[in-house]
N, C-alpha and C. Protein backbone atom coordinates (compact mmCIF):
# COMPACT_ATOMS: atom_id res chain seq x y z
N MET A 1 7.71 7.73 -3.12
CA MET A 1 7.76 7.01 -4.37
C MET A 1 7.57 7.99 -5.54
N GLU A 2 6.63 8.89 -5.38
CA GLU A 2 6.35 9.85 -6.44
C GLU A 2 7.57 10.71 -6.73
N SER A 3 8.29 11.09 -5.68
CA SER A 3 9.48 11.93 -5.87
C SER A 3 10.60 11.18 -6.58
N CYS A 4 10.52 9.86 -6.61
CA CYS A 4 11.51 9.03 -7.31
C CYS A 4 11.02 8.62 -8.70
N GLY A 5 9.89 9.18 -9.13
CA GLY A 5 9.37 8.87 -10.45
C GLY A 5 8.59 7.58 -10.52
N ILE A 6 8.14 7.09 -9.37
CA ILE A 6 7.38 5.84 -9.32
C ILE A 6 5.93 6.17 -8.98
N GLN A 7 5.05 5.91 -9.93
CA GLN A 7 3.64 6.21 -9.72
C GLN A 7 3.00 5.11 -8.88
N THR A 8 2.24 5.50 -7.88
CA THR A 8 1.50 4.56 -7.05
C THR A 8 0.05 5.02 -6.97
N ARG A 9 -0.77 4.16 -6.42
CA ARG A 9 -2.17 4.54 -6.19
C ARG A 9 -2.68 3.75 -5.00
N SER A 10 -3.85 4.15 -4.53
CA SER A 10 -4.47 3.43 -3.43
C SER A 10 -4.74 2.00 -3.83
N PHE A 11 -4.81 1.15 -2.85
CA PHE A 11 -5.00 -0.28 -3.11
C PHE A 11 -6.32 -0.56 -3.82
N PHE A 12 -7.41 -0.09 -3.28
CA PHE A 12 -8.72 -0.24 -3.89
C PHE A 12 -9.71 0.58 -3.09
N TYR A 13 -10.89 0.74 -3.59
CA TYR A 13 -11.94 1.47 -2.88
C TYR A 13 -12.93 0.43 -2.34
N PRO A 14 -13.09 0.35 -1.02
CA PRO A 14 -13.95 -0.68 -0.43
C PRO A 14 -15.38 -0.67 -0.98
N MET A 15 -15.91 -1.85 -1.17
CA MET A 15 -17.26 -1.99 -1.72
C MET A 15 -18.31 -1.25 -0.90
N HIS A 16 -18.20 -1.33 0.43
CA HIS A 16 -19.24 -0.73 1.26
C HIS A 16 -19.19 0.80 1.23
N LEU A 17 -18.15 1.38 0.63
CA LEU A 17 -18.06 2.83 0.50
C LEU A 17 -18.42 3.31 -0.90
N GLN A 18 -18.67 2.39 -1.81
CA GLN A 18 -19.07 2.75 -3.16
C GLN A 18 -20.44 3.42 -3.09
N PRO A 19 -20.59 4.58 -3.73
CA PRO A 19 -21.86 5.32 -3.65
C PRO A 19 -23.09 4.47 -3.97
N LYS A 20 -23.02 3.65 -5.00
CA LYS A 20 -24.18 2.83 -5.40
C LYS A 20 -24.46 1.68 -4.43
N LEU A 21 -23.48 1.32 -3.61
CA LEU A 21 -23.65 0.18 -2.71
C LEU A 21 -23.81 0.57 -1.24
N LYS A 22 -23.72 1.85 -0.93
CA LYS A 22 -23.78 2.29 0.47
C LYS A 22 -25.06 1.83 1.16
N LYS A 23 -26.16 1.81 0.42
CA LYS A 23 -27.42 1.41 1.06
C LYS A 23 -27.41 -0.05 1.50
N TYR A 24 -26.49 -0.86 0.92
CA TYR A 24 -26.38 -2.26 1.30
C TYR A 24 -25.29 -2.51 2.33
N ALA A 25 -24.61 -1.46 2.74
CA ALA A 25 -23.44 -1.60 3.63
C ALA A 25 -23.76 -2.35 4.91
N LYS A 26 -24.94 -2.20 5.42
CA LYS A 26 -25.30 -2.87 6.67
C LYS A 26 -25.32 -4.39 6.51
N ASN A 27 -25.42 -4.87 5.25
CA ASN A 27 -25.44 -6.31 4.98
C ASN A 27 -24.04 -6.90 4.81
N PHE A 28 -23.03 -6.03 4.71
CA PHE A 28 -21.65 -6.50 4.56
C PHE A 28 -21.11 -6.94 5.91
N PRO A 29 -20.22 -7.91 5.91
CA PRO A 29 -19.55 -8.24 7.18
C PRO A 29 -18.69 -7.06 7.62
N SER A 30 -18.15 -7.14 8.80
CA SER A 30 -17.34 -6.06 9.35
C SER A 30 -16.33 -5.56 8.30
N PRO A 31 -16.37 -4.26 7.98
CA PRO A 31 -15.49 -3.72 6.94
C PRO A 31 -14.10 -3.33 7.43
N THR A 32 -13.73 -3.73 8.62
CA THR A 32 -12.46 -3.32 9.22
C THR A 32 -11.28 -3.62 8.31
N ASN A 33 -11.19 -4.83 7.81
CA ASN A 33 -10.04 -5.21 6.97
C ASN A 33 -10.00 -4.42 5.67
N SER A 34 -11.13 -4.27 5.02
CA SER A 34 -11.13 -3.55 3.75
C SER A 34 -10.78 -2.07 3.96
N GLU A 35 -11.23 -1.48 5.05
CA GLU A 35 -10.89 -0.09 5.33
C GLU A 35 -9.41 0.05 5.67
N ARG A 36 -8.87 -0.92 6.39
CA ARG A 36 -7.45 -0.88 6.73
C ARG A 36 -6.60 -1.00 5.46
N LEU A 37 -6.98 -1.91 4.56
CA LEU A 37 -6.26 -2.05 3.29
C LEU A 37 -6.37 -0.78 2.46
N TYR A 38 -7.54 -0.19 2.44
CA TYR A 38 -7.75 1.05 1.68
C TYR A 38 -6.87 2.17 2.23
N ASN A 39 -6.78 2.27 3.55
CA ASN A 39 -6.03 3.35 4.18
C ASN A 39 -4.52 3.14 4.19
N THR A 40 -4.08 1.88 4.13
CA THR A 40 -2.64 1.62 4.24
C THR A 40 -2.06 0.90 3.03
N GLY A 41 -2.91 0.32 2.19
CA GLY A 41 -2.42 -0.44 1.05
C GLY A 41 -1.87 0.46 -0.04
N LEU A 42 -1.04 -0.11 -0.87
CA LEU A 42 -0.39 0.65 -1.93
C LEU A 42 -0.22 -0.23 -3.14
N CYS A 43 -0.66 0.25 -4.29
CA CYS A 43 -0.44 -0.47 -5.55
C CYS A 43 0.80 0.08 -6.21
N LEU A 44 1.70 -0.82 -6.52
CA LEU A 44 2.93 -0.47 -7.22
C LEU A 44 2.72 -0.68 -8.71
N PRO A 45 3.57 -0.08 -9.53
CA PRO A 45 3.42 -0.25 -10.97
C PRO A 45 3.51 -1.72 -11.39
N ILE A 46 2.59 -2.14 -12.21
CA ILE A 46 2.63 -3.49 -12.78
C ILE A 46 1.87 -3.46 -14.11
N HIS A 47 2.55 -3.89 -15.14
CA HIS A 47 1.93 -4.00 -16.45
C HIS A 47 2.84 -4.85 -17.33
N PRO A 48 2.32 -5.40 -18.41
CA PRO A 48 3.08 -6.33 -19.23
C PRO A 48 4.38 -5.76 -19.82
N SER A 49 4.41 -4.46 -20.06
CA SER A 49 5.61 -3.89 -20.68
C SER A 49 6.64 -3.38 -19.68
N LEU A 50 6.42 -3.65 -18.40
CA LEU A 50 7.37 -3.24 -17.36
C LEU A 50 8.66 -4.04 -17.55
N GLU A 51 9.76 -3.34 -17.67
CA GLU A 51 11.04 -4.00 -17.89
C GLU A 51 11.68 -4.41 -16.57
N GLU A 52 12.55 -5.39 -16.62
CA GLU A 52 13.20 -5.90 -15.41
C GLU A 52 13.95 -4.78 -14.69
N LYS A 53 14.61 -3.90 -15.43
CA LYS A 53 15.35 -2.81 -14.79
C LYS A 53 14.40 -1.87 -14.04
N GLU A 54 13.16 -1.73 -14.51
CA GLU A 54 12.18 -0.90 -13.82
C GLU A 54 11.71 -1.57 -12.53
N VAL A 55 11.51 -2.88 -12.59
CA VAL A 55 11.13 -3.64 -11.39
C VAL A 55 12.22 -3.53 -10.34
N LEU A 56 13.48 -3.68 -10.78
CA LEU A 56 14.61 -3.58 -9.86
C LEU A 56 14.72 -2.18 -9.27
N TYR A 57 14.41 -1.16 -10.06
CA TYR A 57 14.44 0.22 -9.56
C TYR A 57 13.39 0.43 -8.47
N VAL A 58 12.19 -0.07 -8.70
CA VAL A 58 11.12 0.03 -7.69
C VAL A 58 11.55 -0.69 -6.41
N ALA A 59 12.06 -1.91 -6.55
CA ALA A 59 12.48 -2.69 -5.38
C ALA A 59 13.60 -1.98 -4.62
N GLN A 60 14.57 -1.44 -5.34
CA GLN A 60 15.69 -0.74 -4.70
C GLN A 60 15.21 0.53 -4.00
N THR A 61 14.27 1.23 -4.59
CA THR A 61 13.72 2.45 -3.98
C THR A 61 13.03 2.12 -2.67
N ILE A 62 12.26 1.04 -2.65
CA ILE A 62 11.58 0.61 -1.42
C ILE A 62 12.62 0.21 -0.38
N LYS A 63 13.62 -0.55 -0.78
CA LYS A 63 14.68 -0.97 0.13
C LYS A 63 15.41 0.24 0.71
N ASN A 64 15.74 1.21 -0.13
CA ASN A 64 16.42 2.43 0.34
C ASN A 64 15.57 3.20 1.34
N PHE A 65 14.26 3.25 1.07
CA PHE A 65 13.35 3.95 1.98
C PHE A 65 13.41 3.34 3.38
N PHE A 66 13.30 2.01 3.45
CA PHE A 66 13.31 1.35 4.76
C PHE A 66 14.68 1.43 5.43
N GLN A 67 15.74 1.40 4.65
CA GLN A 67 17.08 1.54 5.24
C GLN A 67 17.26 2.93 5.83
N GLN A 68 16.83 3.94 5.09
CA GLN A 68 16.94 5.32 5.58
C GLN A 68 16.05 5.52 6.80
N LEU A 69 14.88 4.98 6.77
CA LEU A 69 13.95 5.10 7.88
C LEU A 69 14.52 4.46 9.14
N SER A 70 15.10 3.29 8.97
CA SER A 70 15.65 2.59 10.14
C SER A 70 16.85 3.33 10.72
N GLN A 71 17.59 4.04 9.90
CA GLN A 71 18.72 4.82 10.39
C GLN A 71 18.25 6.07 11.13
N ASN A 72 17.15 6.65 10.66
CA ASN A 72 16.65 7.89 11.25
C ASN A 72 15.88 7.66 12.54
N ASN A 73 15.05 6.64 12.55
CA ASN A 73 14.22 6.43 13.73
C ASN A 73 13.69 5.00 13.74
N SER A 74 14.24 4.20 14.61
CA SER A 74 13.82 2.80 14.65
C SER A 74 12.37 2.64 15.08
N ARG A 75 11.82 3.59 15.80
CA ARG A 75 10.41 3.50 16.20
C ARG A 75 9.49 3.55 14.97
N ASP A 76 9.86 4.37 13.99
CA ASP A 76 9.06 4.47 12.77
C ASP A 76 9.05 3.15 12.01
N ILE A 77 10.20 2.52 11.90
CA ILE A 77 10.27 1.25 11.16
C ILE A 77 9.48 0.17 11.88
N ILE A 78 9.50 0.18 13.19
CA ILE A 78 8.73 -0.79 13.96
C ILE A 78 7.23 -0.56 13.73
N ALA A 79 6.82 0.69 13.70
CA ALA A 79 5.41 1.00 13.47
C ALA A 79 4.97 0.56 12.07
N ILE A 80 5.80 0.80 11.08
CA ILE A 80 5.47 0.40 9.72
C ILE A 80 5.43 -1.11 9.60
N MET A 81 6.39 -1.79 10.18
CA MET A 81 6.40 -3.25 10.13
C MET A 81 5.16 -3.81 10.82
N TYR A 82 4.73 -3.19 11.91
CA TYR A 82 3.51 -3.62 12.59
C TYR A 82 2.31 -3.53 11.64
N LEU A 83 2.27 -2.46 10.85
CA LEU A 83 1.17 -2.31 9.89
C LEU A 83 1.26 -3.34 8.77
N LEU A 84 2.47 -3.72 8.39
CA LEU A 84 2.65 -4.64 7.27
C LEU A 84 2.49 -6.10 7.65
N LEU A 85 2.72 -6.46 8.90
CA LEU A 85 2.71 -7.86 9.30
C LEU A 85 1.48 -8.65 8.88
N PRO A 86 0.27 -8.08 9.00
CA PRO A 86 -0.90 -8.88 8.59
C PRO A 86 -0.89 -9.26 7.10
N TYR A 87 -0.11 -8.56 6.30
CA TYR A 87 -0.12 -8.79 4.85
C TYR A 87 1.08 -9.59 4.37
N ILE A 88 2.01 -9.90 5.25
CA ILE A 88 3.23 -10.63 4.87
C ILE A 88 2.98 -12.12 4.94
């Protein structure tokens, strides 16, 4: 995405890993989901001044990525889809 001029960032930083909250981490429920989202999640650009052509560019870039991936190695696309299924 970065090579296509699309800035991304991590989804979020889990609460139980926040320096000020680490001492309370034992009181949190199982952090498996939050850690998985942190490690695999991705925030795409979103803001009020984002133009429709920019949204379409981001969508087309993602579509092209998956099309190219599926042509190169179907095992990779299956692995990625497996990671995405819980969030769809």
